[in-house]
Amino acid sequence: MIQSPLSCPLCSSHISAPFHQDANRSYIKCSVCKLVFAHPRYLLSREVEFSRYEYHQNDLEDPGYRAFLDKLFSPMIQRIKPLSTGLDFGSGPGPLLKLMFQEAGHKMSIYDTFYAPDPSVFEKQYDFITISETVEHLHRPLDELDRLWACLIPGGYLGVMTGILHDSINFSDWHYIRDDTHVVFFTPGSFEWLAQHWESSLELLGDRVVIFRKIPNIVNSK
């Protein structure tokens, strides 16, 4: 029986190759956008995935958690204007990032498919959007990211925090693949592909933060 080639969950390309195999899962790497993804047979059901998240400890009073989120918060706060309107996508059960932006004077909405499933947030426009430790969970990342991009005003910023698969990382020992809810792993090349897809600017900051800016439309006044 001839098997159909796998489609990349980010760019939909069928040009891919086996990347890694361990006792738990097998992984594929897209040759076009350089995304590494778990074979679809290992995707968890929604019910099982939710049960995993219930074990997460996200305490709003935990200074360590706040310091971790500051890796995304600080560069975003340096770029956005005062009194901006933002959306935190994938806020989880303890929406601390929302609170941090509110403390800085910004108006915030949140969305989480399990803990804050309000689809009306996608009917609005935002000056900035944050996605912290969420993209690695998305089974169809481009669908979700394109939906968020459409909610961003021209000139707005989209900040992503995730474990970025740099060339220096030994994938077989990487802690990020031990979480079976992590199913897609972005390389710098994956984010560069997204920037080209959106015709946006891109900044890669350190080992886990990237910031896109939606380029304003240039109106020809002639």
N, C-alpha and C. Protein backbone atom coordinates (compact mmCIF):
# COMPACT_ATOMS: atom_id res chain seq x y z
N MET A 1 0.84 -1.20 0.00
CA MET A 1 0.00 0.00 0.00
C MET A 1 0.88 1.25 0.00
N ILE A 2 0.63 2.18 -0.90
CA ILE A 2 1.40 3.41 -0.99
C ILE A 2 0.83 4.43 0.00
N GLN A 3 1.70 4.94 0.87
CA GLN A 3 1.27 5.91 1.85
C GLN A 3 1.36 7.32 1.27
N SER A 4 0.36 8.14 1.58
CA SER A 4 0.39 9.53 1.14
C SER A 4 1.46 10.28 1.91
N PRO A 5 2.18 11.19 1.25
CA PRO A 5 3.20 11.96 1.96
C PRO A 5 2.57 12.84 3.03
N LEU A 6 3.31 13.04 4.11
CA LEU A 6 2.80 13.87 5.19
C LEU A 6 2.83 15.33 4.79
N SER A 7 1.83 16.06 5.23
CA SER A 7 1.75 17.49 4.97
C SER A 7 2.28 18.25 6.18
N CYS A 8 3.16 19.20 5.95
CA CYS A 8 3.69 20.01 7.04
C CYS A 8 2.56 20.82 7.66
N PRO A 9 2.43 20.82 8.99
CA PRO A 9 1.34 21.57 9.63
C PRO A 9 1.53 23.08 9.59
N LEU A 10 2.70 23.54 9.15
CA LEU A 10 2.92 24.98 9.05
C LEU A 10 2.77 25.47 7.61
N CYS A 11 3.54 24.92 6.69
CA CYS A 11 3.53 25.45 5.32
C CYS A 11 2.78 24.56 4.33
N SER A 12 2.30 23.41 4.79
CA SER A 12 1.52 22.46 3.98
C SER A 12 2.35 21.76 2.90
N SER A 13 3.66 21.92 2.93
CA SER A 13 4.51 21.24 1.96
C SER A 13 4.52 19.74 2.23
N HIS A 14 4.70 18.96 1.17
CA HIS A 14 4.86 17.52 1.30
C HIS A 14 6.32 17.10 1.18
N ILE A 15 7.21 18.08 1.20
CA ILE A 15 8.63 17.80 1.08
C ILE A 15 9.22 17.75 2.48
N SER A 16 9.40 16.57 3.00
CA SER A 16 9.89 16.40 4.36
C SER A 16 10.70 15.12 4.45
N ALA A 17 11.36 14.94 5.60
CA ALA A 17 12.20 13.76 5.80
C ALA A 17 12.19 13.37 7.26
N PRO A 18 12.37 12.07 7.58
CA PRO A 18 12.48 11.67 8.98
C PRO A 18 13.60 12.44 9.66
N PHE A 19 13.34 12.86 10.90
CA PHE A 19 14.33 13.67 11.62
C PHE A 19 14.88 12.97 12.85
N HIS A 20 13.99 12.33 13.62
CA HIS A 20 14.44 11.70 14.87
C HIS A 20 13.41 10.66 15.28
N GLN A 21 13.90 9.61 15.92
CA GLN A 21 13.04 8.56 16.44
C GLN A 21 13.52 8.21 17.83
N ASP A 22 12.60 8.18 18.80
CA ASP A 22 12.96 7.70 20.12
C ASP A 22 11.91 6.70 20.59
N ALA A 23 11.96 6.34 21.83
CA ALA A 23 11.04 5.31 22.34
C ALA A 23 9.60 5.81 22.39
N ASN A 24 9.41 7.12 22.36
CA ASN A 24 8.07 7.66 22.53
C ASN A 24 7.41 8.12 21.23
N ARG A 25 8.20 8.77 20.36
CA ARG A 25 7.61 9.34 19.15
C ARG A 25 8.63 9.37 18.02
N SER A 26 8.11 9.59 16.82
CA SER A 26 8.98 9.87 15.67
C SER A 26 8.70 11.29 15.21
N TYR A 27 9.71 11.93 14.62
CA TYR A 27 9.63 13.33 14.25
C TYR A 27 10.03 13.51 12.79
N ILE A 28 9.42 14.48 12.17
CA ILE A 28 9.63 14.79 10.76
C ILE A 28 10.16 16.22 10.68
N LYS A 29 11.00 16.51 9.68
CA LYS A 29 11.44 17.88 9.44
C LYS A 29 11.04 18.30 8.05
N CYS A 30 10.35 19.44 7.97
CA CYS A 30 9.94 19.97 6.68
C CYS A 30 11.15 20.58 5.98
N SER A 31 11.31 20.26 4.72
CA SER A 31 12.44 20.77 3.95
C SER A 31 12.21 22.19 3.46
N VAL A 32 10.97 22.66 3.55
CA VAL A 32 10.65 24.01 3.05
C VAL A 32 10.73 25.04 4.18
N CYS A 33 9.94 24.87 5.24
CA CYS A 33 9.92 25.87 6.32
C CYS A 33 10.76 25.47 7.53
N LYS A 34 11.37 24.28 7.47
CA LYS A 34 12.29 23.80 8.51
C LYS A 34 11.62 23.50 9.85
N LEU A 35 10.30 23.40 9.86
CA LEU A 35 9.60 23.01 11.08
C LEU A 35 9.86 21.53 11.36
N VAL A 36 10.06 21.21 12.63
CA VAL A 36 10.12 19.81 13.06
C VAL A 36 8.80 19.51 13.77
N PHE A 37 8.19 18.40 13.42
CA PHE A 37 6.89 18.08 14.02
C PHE A 37 6.77 16.59 14.33
N ALA A 38 6.02 16.30 15.38
CA ALA A 38 5.76 14.91 15.72
C ALA A 38 4.86 14.28 14.68
N HIS A 39 5.10 13.02 14.39
CA HIS A 39 4.24 12.31 13.43
C HIS A 39 2.79 12.40 13.90
N PRO A 40 1.85 12.65 13.00
CA PRO A 40 0.44 12.83 13.40
C PRO A 40 -0.15 11.70 14.22
N ARG A 41 0.41 10.51 14.12
CA ARG A 41 -0.14 9.40 14.91
C ARG A 41 0.02 9.63 16.41
N TYR A 42 0.90 10.56 16.79
CA TYR A 42 1.16 10.80 18.21
C TYR A 42 0.39 12.00 18.76
N LEU A 43 -0.46 12.60 17.96
CA LEU A 43 -1.25 13.73 18.45
C LEU A 43 -2.26 13.24 19.50
N LEU A 44 -2.35 13.95 20.59
CA LEU A 44 -3.25 13.57 21.68
C LEU A 44 -4.67 14.04 21.39
N SER A 45 -5.63 13.35 21.95
CA SER A 45 -7.01 13.82 21.88
C SER A 45 -7.15 15.07 22.74
N ARG A 46 -8.20 15.83 22.48
CA ARG A 46 -8.43 17.05 23.25
C ARG A 46 -8.59 16.73 24.74
N GLU A 47 -9.24 15.65 25.06
CA GLU A 47 -9.48 15.28 26.46
C GLU A 47 -8.16 14.95 27.17
N VAL A 48 -7.31 14.17 26.51
CA VAL A 48 -6.03 13.80 27.11
C VAL A 48 -5.13 15.02 27.23
N GLU A 49 -5.14 15.85 26.20
CA GLU A 49 -4.33 17.06 26.24
C GLU A 49 -4.72 17.95 27.43
N PHE A 50 -6.01 18.13 27.63
CA PHE A 50 -6.48 18.96 28.75
C PHE A 50 -6.04 18.36 30.08
N SER A 51 -6.08 17.05 30.19
CA SER A 51 -5.68 16.42 31.45
C SER A 51 -4.21 16.69 31.76
N ARG A 52 -3.38 16.81 30.73
CA ARG A 52 -1.97 17.14 30.94
C ARG A 52 -1.83 18.58 31.47
N TYR A 53 -2.61 19.50 30.91
CA TYR A 53 -2.51 20.90 31.33
C TYR A 53 -2.95 21.10 32.77
N GLU A 54 -3.82 20.24 33.25
CA GLU A 54 -4.31 20.38 34.62
C GLU A 54 -3.19 20.15 35.64
N TYR A 55 -2.08 19.56 35.21
CA TYR A 55 -0.95 19.34 36.11
C TYR A 55 -0.02 20.55 36.16
N HIS A 56 -0.17 21.50 35.22
CA HIS A 56 0.70 22.66 35.19
C HIS A 56 0.45 23.54 36.40
N GLN A 57 1.52 24.11 36.92
CA GLN A 57 1.43 25.00 38.07
C GLN A 57 1.81 26.41 37.61
N ASN A 58 0.79 27.27 37.42
CA ASN A 58 1.02 28.65 37.00
C ASN A 58 0.46 29.59 38.06
N ASP A 59 1.25 29.85 39.08
CA ASP A 59 0.83 30.64 40.22
C ASP A 59 1.08 32.12 39.93
N LEU A 60 0.02 32.94 40.01
CA LEU A 60 0.15 34.37 39.74
C LEU A 60 1.07 35.06 40.74
N GLU A 61 1.27 34.46 41.90
CA GLU A 61 2.11 35.07 42.93
C GLU A 61 3.55 34.55 42.88
N ASP A 62 3.86 33.70 41.93
CA ASP A 62 5.18 33.09 41.85
C ASP A 62 6.15 34.03 41.15
N PRO A 63 7.16 34.57 41.87
CA PRO A 63 8.10 35.48 41.23
C PRO A 63 8.94 34.82 40.13
N GLY A 64 9.16 33.52 40.24
CA GLY A 64 9.89 32.81 39.20
C GLY A 64 9.12 32.75 37.90
N TYR A 65 7.81 32.55 38.01
CA TYR A 65 6.95 32.52 36.82
C TYR A 65 6.91 33.90 36.17
N ARG A 66 6.83 34.94 37.00
CA ARG A 66 6.83 36.30 36.46
C ARG A 66 8.16 36.59 35.75
N ALA A 67 9.26 36.17 36.34
CA ALA A 67 10.58 36.39 35.72
C ALA A 67 10.68 35.66 34.39
N PHE A 68 10.10 34.47 34.33
CA PHE A 68 10.11 33.71 33.08
C PHE A 68 9.33 34.44 31.99
N LEU A 69 8.12 34.92 32.32
CA LEU A 69 7.31 35.64 31.34
C LEU A 69 7.91 36.98 30.97
N ASP A 70 8.77 37.51 31.81
CA ASP A 70 9.40 38.79 31.52
C ASP A 70 10.29 38.71 30.28
N LYS A 71 10.70 37.51 29.90
CA LYS A 71 11.50 37.35 28.68
C LYS A 71 10.73 37.82 27.45
N LEU A 72 9.41 37.68 27.49
CA LEU A 72 8.56 38.19 26.41
C LEU A 72 8.01 39.56 26.74
N PHE A 73 7.65 39.76 27.99
CA PHE A 73 7.03 41.02 28.41
C PHE A 73 7.95 42.23 28.17
N SER A 74 9.19 42.13 28.60
CA SER A 74 10.10 43.28 28.53
C SER A 74 10.33 43.77 27.10
N PRO A 75 10.68 42.90 26.14
CA PRO A 75 10.87 43.42 24.78
C PRO A 75 9.58 43.92 24.14
N MET A 76 8.44 43.36 24.52
CA MET A 76 7.18 43.86 23.98
C MET A 76 6.86 45.23 24.54
N ILE A 77 7.06 45.42 25.84
CA ILE A 77 6.72 46.68 26.48
C ILE A 77 7.60 47.81 25.95
N GLN A 78 8.79 47.47 25.47
CA GLN A 78 9.69 48.47 24.90
C GLN A 78 9.24 48.93 23.51
N ARG A 79 8.38 48.16 22.87
CA ARG A 79 7.99 48.44 21.49
C ARG A 79 6.59 49.03 21.35
N ILE A 80 5.70 48.66 22.23
CA ILE A 80 4.32 49.12 22.08
C ILE A 80 4.13 50.51 22.69
N LYS A 81 3.11 51.20 22.21
CA LYS A 81 2.81 52.54 22.69
C LYS A 81 2.05 52.49 24.02
N PRO A 82 2.09 53.58 24.79
CA PRO A 82 1.29 53.61 26.03
C PRO A 82 -0.19 53.42 25.73
N LEU A 83 -0.88 52.80 26.68
CA LEU A 83 -2.33 52.58 26.60
C LEU A 83 -2.73 51.78 25.36
N SER A 84 -1.91 50.81 25.02
CA SER A 84 -2.22 49.94 23.88
C SER A 84 -3.25 48.89 24.27
N THR A 85 -3.81 48.25 23.25
CA THR A 85 -4.78 47.17 23.44
C THR A 85 -4.16 45.87 22.96
N GLY A 86 -4.16 44.87 23.82
CA GLY A 86 -3.49 43.62 23.48
C GLY A 86 -4.34 42.39 23.71
N LEU A 87 -3.89 41.28 23.13
CA LEU A 87 -4.51 39.97 23.30
C LEU A 87 -3.42 38.98 23.68
N ASP A 88 -3.64 38.23 24.76
CA ASP A 88 -2.76 37.14 25.12
C ASP A 88 -3.43 35.84 24.70
N PHE A 89 -2.86 35.17 23.71
CA PHE A 89 -3.41 33.94 23.15
C PHE A 89 -2.74 32.75 23.82
N GLY A 90 -3.57 31.85 24.37
CA GLY A 90 -3.02 30.71 25.10
C GLY A 90 -2.68 31.09 26.53
N SER A 91 -3.58 31.83 27.15
CA SER A 91 -3.30 32.42 28.46
C SER A 91 -3.20 31.40 29.58
N GLY A 92 -3.81 30.23 29.40
CA GLY A 92 -3.75 29.20 30.42
C GLY A 92 -4.63 29.51 31.62
N PRO A 93 -4.55 28.69 32.68
CA PRO A 93 -5.43 28.88 33.84
C PRO A 93 -5.02 30.06 34.72
N GLY A 94 -3.75 30.52 34.59
CA GLY A 94 -3.27 31.65 35.38
C GLY A 94 -2.74 32.72 34.45
N PRO A 95 -3.60 33.65 34.01
CA PRO A 95 -3.20 34.63 32.98
C PRO A 95 -2.32 35.75 33.53
N LEU A 96 -1.11 35.40 33.95
CA LEU A 96 -0.21 36.38 34.56
C LEU A 96 0.27 37.41 33.55
N LEU A 97 0.49 37.00 32.31
CA LEU A 97 0.97 37.96 31.31
C LEU A 97 -0.05 39.08 31.10
N LYS A 98 -1.32 38.71 31.11
CA LYS A 98 -2.38 39.72 31.03
C LYS A 98 -2.25 40.72 32.18
N LEU A 99 -2.05 40.21 33.38
CA LEU A 99 -1.92 41.07 34.56
C LEU A 99 -0.71 42.00 34.44
N MET A 100 0.40 41.48 33.94
CA MET A 100 1.62 42.29 33.82
C MET A 100 1.41 43.45 32.86
N PHE A 101 0.75 43.21 31.75
CA PHE A 101 0.47 44.30 30.81
C PHE A 101 -0.55 45.28 31.38
N GLN A 102 -1.52 44.78 32.13
CA GLN A 102 -2.50 45.67 32.76
C GLN A 102 -1.83 46.55 33.81
N GLU A 103 -0.91 46.00 34.54
CA GLU A 103 -0.16 46.79 35.53
C GLU A 103 0.63 47.91 34.86
N ALA A 104 1.01 47.69 33.60
CA ALA A 104 1.76 48.69 32.84
C ALA A 104 0.85 49.67 32.11
N GLY A 105 -0.47 49.54 32.31
CA GLY A 105 -1.40 50.51 31.77
C GLY A 105 -2.07 50.14 30.46
N HIS A 106 -1.94 48.88 30.04
CA HIS A 106 -2.52 48.45 28.77
C HIS A 106 -3.82 47.69 28.99
N LYS A 107 -4.67 47.73 27.99
CA LYS A 107 -5.95 47.02 28.05
C LYS A 107 -5.75 45.64 27.42
N MET A 108 -6.18 44.60 28.12
CA MET A 108 -5.89 43.24 27.67
C MET A 108 -7.14 42.38 27.55
N SER A 109 -7.13 41.52 26.52
CA SER A 109 -8.08 40.42 26.38
C SER A 109 -7.28 39.13 26.40
N ILE A 110 -7.94 38.02 26.69
CA ILE A 110 -7.25 36.73 26.68
C ILE A 110 -8.08 35.71 25.91
N TYR A 111 -7.37 34.70 25.42
CA TYR A 111 -8.04 33.55 24.80
C TYR A 111 -7.25 32.30 25.15
N ASP A 112 -7.97 31.27 25.50
CA ASP A 112 -7.38 29.95 25.69
C ASP A 112 -8.44 28.92 25.33
N THR A 113 -8.08 27.96 24.52
CA THR A 113 -9.06 27.00 24.02
C THR A 113 -9.71 26.19 25.14
N PHE A 114 -9.02 26.08 26.30
CA PHE A 114 -9.57 25.33 27.42
C PHE A 114 -10.07 26.24 28.55
N TYR A 115 -9.33 27.29 28.86
CA TYR A 115 -9.59 28.07 30.07
C TYR A 115 -10.28 29.40 29.80
N ALA A 116 -10.23 29.89 28.59
CA ALA A 116 -10.90 31.16 28.26
C ALA A 116 -11.35 31.11 26.80
N PRO A 117 -12.27 30.19 26.46
CA PRO A 117 -12.65 29.94 25.06
C PRO A 117 -13.69 30.92 24.53
N ASP A 118 -13.33 32.19 24.45
CA ASP A 118 -14.25 33.22 24.00
C ASP A 118 -13.90 33.62 22.56
N PRO A 119 -14.60 33.11 21.55
CA PRO A 119 -14.24 33.40 20.16
C PRO A 119 -14.46 34.84 19.75
N SER A 120 -15.19 35.61 20.56
CA SER A 120 -15.44 37.00 20.20
C SER A 120 -14.17 37.84 20.17
N VAL A 121 -13.10 37.36 20.83
CA VAL A 121 -11.85 38.13 20.82
C VAL A 121 -11.27 38.24 19.41
N PHE A 122 -11.64 37.30 18.55
CA PHE A 122 -11.10 37.31 17.18
C PHE A 122 -11.88 38.26 16.26
N GLU A 123 -12.89 38.90 16.80
CA GLU A 123 -13.65 39.88 16.03
C GLU A 123 -13.12 41.29 16.24
N LYS A 124 -12.08 41.42 17.04
CA LYS A 124 -11.53 42.73 17.39
C LYS A 124 -10.14 42.90 16.77
N GLN A 125 -9.62 44.11 16.84
CA GLN A 125 -8.28 44.44 16.36
C GLN A 125 -7.42 44.85 17.56
N TYR A 126 -6.13 44.51 17.48
CA TYR A 126 -5.23 44.74 18.61
C TYR A 126 -3.95 45.43 18.15
N ASP A 127 -3.39 46.21 19.09
CA ASP A 127 -2.09 46.84 18.86
C ASP A 127 -0.96 45.83 19.00
N PHE A 128 -1.19 44.81 19.83
CA PHE A 128 -0.17 43.77 20.01
C PHE A 128 -0.84 42.48 20.45
N ILE A 129 -0.17 41.38 20.16
CA ILE A 129 -0.64 40.05 20.54
C ILE A 129 0.55 39.27 21.08
N THR A 130 0.33 38.56 22.17
CA THR A 130 1.38 37.71 22.73
C THR A 130 0.95 36.25 22.69
N ILE A 131 1.92 35.39 22.47
CA ILE A 131 1.69 33.94 22.44
C ILE A 131 2.84 33.31 23.23
N SER A 132 2.60 33.00 24.48
CA SER A 132 3.65 32.50 25.36
C SER A 132 3.50 31.01 25.61
N GLU A 133 4.52 30.24 25.21
CA GLU A 133 4.55 28.80 25.45
C GLU A 133 3.26 28.14 24.98
N THR A 134 2.87 28.46 23.76
CA THR A 134 1.62 27.96 23.20
C THR A 134 1.78 27.39 21.79
N VAL A 135 2.60 28.02 20.95
CA VAL A 135 2.67 27.57 19.55
C VAL A 135 3.13 26.13 19.43
N GLU A 136 3.92 25.67 20.38
CA GLU A 136 4.42 24.29 20.31
C GLU A 136 3.31 23.26 20.52
N HIS A 137 2.16 23.71 21.02
CA HIS A 137 1.03 22.81 21.25
C HIS A 137 0.06 22.73 20.07
N LEU A 138 0.19 23.61 19.10
CA LEU A 138 -0.83 23.75 18.06
C LEU A 138 -0.73 22.65 17.02
N HIS A 139 -1.83 21.94 16.81
CA HIS A 139 -1.87 20.89 15.80
C HIS A 139 -1.91 21.47 14.39
N ARG A 140 -2.52 22.65 14.25
CA ARG A 140 -2.60 23.35 12.96
C ARG A 140 -2.10 24.78 13.17
N PRO A 141 -0.80 24.94 13.32
CA PRO A 141 -0.27 26.25 13.73
C PRO A 141 -0.54 27.38 12.74
N LEU A 142 -0.49 27.12 11.45
CA LEU A 142 -0.69 28.23 10.52
C LEU A 142 -2.12 28.76 10.59
N ASP A 143 -3.10 27.88 10.73
CA ASP A 143 -4.49 28.34 10.84
C ASP A 143 -4.65 29.30 12.01
N GLU A 144 -4.09 28.93 13.15
CA GLU A 144 -4.22 29.77 14.35
C GLU A 144 -3.41 31.06 14.20
N LEU A 145 -2.21 30.96 13.67
CA LEU A 145 -1.36 32.14 13.56
C LEU A 145 -1.90 33.12 12.52
N ASP A 146 -2.42 32.61 11.43
CA ASP A 146 -3.02 33.50 10.43
C ASP A 146 -4.25 34.21 11.01
N ARG A 147 -5.02 33.52 11.81
CA ARG A 147 -6.19 34.14 12.44
C ARG A 147 -5.76 35.27 13.37
N LEU A 148 -4.70 35.05 14.12
CA LEU A 148 -4.20 36.10 15.00
C LEU A 148 -3.62 37.26 14.21
N TRP A 149 -2.89 36.95 13.15
CA TRP A 149 -2.29 37.99 12.33
C TRP A 149 -3.36 38.92 11.75
N ALA A 150 -4.50 38.36 11.39
CA ALA A 150 -5.60 39.16 10.84
C ALA A 150 -6.18 40.10 11.90
N CYS A 151 -5.97 39.79 13.19
CA CYS A 151 -6.49 40.64 14.27
C CYS A 151 -5.52 41.75 14.65
N LEU A 152 -4.35 41.77 14.05
CA LEU A 152 -3.32 42.73 14.40
C LEU A 152 -3.42 43.95 13.49
N ILE A 153 -3.37 45.14 14.08
CA ILE A 153 -3.45 46.36 13.28
C ILE A 153 -2.14 46.55 12.51
N PRO A 154 -2.16 47.26 11.38
CA PRO A 154 -0.91 47.61 10.70
C PRO A 154 0.02 48.37 11.66
N GLY A 155 1.25 47.96 11.71
CA GLY A 155 2.20 48.55 12.65
C GLY A 155 2.25 47.84 13.98
N GLY A 156 1.33 46.88 14.19
CA GLY A 156 1.27 46.17 15.46
C GLY A 156 2.33 45.08 15.57
N TYR A 157 2.47 44.57 16.80
CA TYR A 157 3.50 43.57 17.10
C TYR A 157 2.88 42.26 17.57
N LEU A 158 3.46 41.18 17.10
CA LEU A 158 3.09 39.84 17.57
C LEU A 158 4.34 39.21 18.17
N GLY A 159 4.28 38.94 19.48
CA GLY A 159 5.42 38.36 20.17
C GLY A 159 5.17 36.91 20.54
N VAL A 160 6.15 36.07 20.25
CA VAL A 160 6.03 34.63 20.49
C VAL A 160 7.16 34.18 21.40
N MET A 161 6.82 33.41 22.43
CA MET A 161 7.84 32.77 23.26
C MET A 161 7.63 31.26 23.19
N THR A 162 8.68 30.57 22.82
CA THR A 162 8.64 29.11 22.70
C THR A 162 10.08 28.62 22.72
N GLY A 163 10.26 27.34 22.94
CA GLY A 163 11.59 26.76 22.81
C GLY A 163 11.97 26.70 21.33
N ILE A 164 12.95 27.49 20.93
CA ILE A 164 13.36 27.54 19.53
C ILE A 164 14.43 26.49 19.28
N LEU A 165 14.24 25.70 18.25
CA LEU A 165 15.17 24.61 17.94
C LEU A 165 16.35 25.15 17.14
N HIS A 166 17.33 25.66 17.85
CA HIS A 166 18.56 26.14 17.22
C HIS A 166 19.46 24.96 16.86
N ASP A 167 20.38 25.19 15.95
CA ASP A 167 21.30 24.13 15.51
C ASP A 167 22.15 23.59 16.66
N SER A 168 22.37 24.40 17.68
CA SER A 168 23.23 24.00 18.80
C SER A 168 22.54 23.00 19.74
N ILE A 169 21.24 22.81 19.58
CA ILE A 169 20.49 21.94 20.49
C ILE A 169 20.61 20.48 20.07
N ASN A 170 20.89 19.63 21.04
CA ASN A 170 20.87 18.18 20.84
C ASN A 170 19.43 17.72 21.01
N PHE A 171 18.76 17.47 19.90
CA PHE A 171 17.32 17.20 19.95
C PHE A 171 16.98 16.02 20.84
N SER A 172 17.77 14.97 20.80
CA SER A 172 17.45 13.76 21.56
C SER A 172 17.48 14.00 23.06
N ASP A 173 18.25 15.01 23.51
CA ASP A 173 18.33 15.33 24.94
C ASP A 173 17.53 16.57 25.32
N TRP A 174 16.83 17.14 24.38
CA TRP A 174 16.14 18.41 24.61
C TRP A 174 14.93 18.19 25.50
N HIS A 175 14.84 18.94 26.58
CA HIS A 175 13.74 18.78 27.53
C HIS A 175 12.39 19.07 26.88
N TYR A 176 12.38 19.87 25.83
CA TYR A 176 11.13 20.31 25.23
C TYR A 176 10.35 19.16 24.59
N ILE A 177 11.02 18.12 24.15
CA ILE A 177 10.31 17.02 23.49
C ILE A 177 9.77 16.00 24.50
N ARG A 178 10.08 16.18 25.77
CA ARG A 178 9.59 15.24 26.79
C ARG A 178 8.13 15.48 27.13
N ASP A 179 7.61 16.64 26.78
CA ASP A 179 6.20 16.96 27.00
C ASP A 179 5.43 16.51 25.76
N ASP A 180 4.55 15.53 25.92
CA ASP A 180 3.88 14.98 24.74
C ASP A 180 2.78 15.88 24.21
N THR A 181 2.50 17.02 24.88
CA THR A 181 1.61 18.02 24.29
C THR A 181 2.37 18.97 23.36
N HIS A 182 3.69 18.91 23.38
CA HIS A 182 4.51 19.68 22.45
C HIS A 182 4.63 18.89 21.15
N VAL A 183 4.07 19.41 20.08
CA VAL A 183 4.00 18.62 18.85
C VAL A 183 4.64 19.30 17.64
N VAL A 184 4.91 20.61 17.73
CA VAL A 184 5.62 21.30 16.65
C VAL A 184 6.76 22.10 17.26
N PHE A 185 7.88 22.11 16.57
CA PHE A 185 9.09 22.73 17.10
C PHE A 185 9.66 23.66 16.03
N PHE A 186 9.63 24.94 16.35
CA PHE A 186 10.02 25.96 15.39
C PHE A 186 11.54 26.17 15.41
N THR A 187 12.12 26.18 14.24
CA THR A 187 13.51 26.58 14.08
C THR A 187 13.54 28.05 13.70
N PRO A 188 14.72 28.70 13.74
CA PRO A 188 14.78 30.06 13.21
C PRO A 188 14.27 30.15 11.77
N GLY A 189 14.55 29.12 10.98
CA GLY A 189 14.06 29.09 9.60
C GLY A 189 12.54 29.06 9.51
N SER A 190 11.89 28.43 10.48
CA SER A 190 10.41 28.40 10.50
C SER A 190 9.85 29.80 10.70
N PHE A 191 10.46 30.55 11.59
CA PHE A 191 9.99 31.92 11.83
C PHE A 191 10.32 32.82 10.63
N GLU A 192 11.43 32.57 9.99
CA GLU A 192 11.76 33.33 8.78
C GLU A 192 10.74 33.03 7.68
N TRP A 193 10.30 31.78 7.59
CA TRP A 193 9.27 31.44 6.60
C TRP A 193 7.97 32.19 6.92
N LEU A 194 7.61 32.25 8.20
CA LEU A 194 6.40 32.97 8.60
C LEU A 194 6.50 34.46 8.25
N ALA A 195 7.67 35.05 8.50
CA ALA A 195 7.86 36.46 8.19
C ALA A 195 7.68 36.72 6.70
N GLN A 196 8.17 35.82 5.87
CA GLN A 196 7.98 35.96 4.42
C GLN A 196 6.52 35.75 4.05
N HIS A 197 5.88 34.79 4.69
CA HIS A 197 4.46 34.51 4.45
C HIS A 197 3.60 35.73 4.75
N TRP A 198 3.94 36.44 5.83
CA TRP A 198 3.17 37.62 6.23
C TRP A 198 3.72 38.92 5.65
N GLU A 199 4.89 38.84 5.02
CA GLU A 199 5.59 40.04 4.55
C GLU A 199 5.80 41.01 5.71
N SER A 200 6.31 40.46 6.80
CA SER A 200 6.49 41.22 8.03
C SER A 200 7.97 41.36 8.35
N SER A 201 8.27 42.22 9.33
CA SER A 201 9.62 42.25 9.88
C SER A 201 9.71 41.20 10.98
N LEU A 202 10.93 40.80 11.31
CA LEU A 202 11.14 39.74 12.28
C LEU A 202 12.38 40.03 13.10
N GLU A 203 12.24 39.86 14.42
CA GLU A 203 13.39 39.94 15.33
C GLU A 203 13.45 38.64 16.12
N LEU A 204 14.60 38.00 16.12
CA LEU A 204 14.83 36.83 16.97
C LEU A 204 15.66 37.27 18.15
N LEU A 205 15.10 37.14 19.35
CA LEU A 205 15.72 37.64 20.57
C LEU A 205 16.09 36.48 21.48
N GLY A 206 17.36 36.16 21.56
CA GLY A 206 17.79 35.07 22.43
C GLY A 206 17.36 33.71 21.93
N ASP A 207 17.14 32.80 22.88
CA ASP A 207 16.88 31.41 22.51
C ASP A 207 15.41 31.04 22.52
N ARG A 208 14.49 32.01 22.85
CA ARG A 208 13.08 31.59 22.90
C ARG A 208 12.07 32.68 22.59
N VAL A 209 12.49 33.85 22.13
CA VAL A 209 11.54 34.92 21.84
C VAL A 209 11.74 35.45 20.42
N VAL A 210 10.62 35.62 19.71
CA VAL A 210 10.64 36.26 18.40
C VAL A 210 9.52 37.30 18.38
N ILE A 211 9.75 38.38 17.67
CA ILE A 211 8.75 39.44 17.55
C ILE A 211 8.58 39.80 16.07
N PHE A 212 7.33 39.70 15.62
CA PHE A 212 6.97 40.11 14.27
C PHE A 212 6.32 41.49 14.34
N ARG A 213 6.51 42.29 13.30
CA ARG A 213 5.80 43.56 13.19
C ARG A 213 5.08 43.61 11.85
N LYS A 214 3.79 43.91 11.92
CA LYS A 214 3.00 44.01 10.69
C LYS A 214 3.32 45.34 10.02
N ILE A 215 3.90 45.27 8.85
CA ILE A 215 4.33 46.47 8.15
C ILE A 215 3.10 47.26 7.71
N PRO A 216 3.02 48.55 8.06
CA PRO A 216 1.87 49.35 7.62
C PRO A 216 1.83 49.46 6.09
N ASN A 217 0.62 49.50 5.55
CA ASN A 217 0.48 49.69 4.12
C ASN A 217 0.96 51.08 3.73
N ILE A 218 1.73 51.15 2.65
CA ILE A 218 2.23 52.42 2.16
C ILE A 218 1.30 52.92 1.08
N VAL A 219 0.66 54.04 1.33
CA VAL A 219 -0.30 54.59 0.38
C VAL A 219 0.42 55.56 -0.55
N ASN A 220 0.30 55.30 -1.82
CA ASN A 220 0.92 56.18 -2.81
C ASN A 220 0.05 57.42 -2.95
N SER A 221 0.60 58.56 -2.57
CA SER A 221 -0.17 59.81 -2.57
C SER A 221 -0.22 60.49 -3.92
N LYS A 222 0.48 59.96 -4.92
CA LYS A 222 0.50 60.60 -6.24
C LYS A 222 -0.83 60.38 -6.95
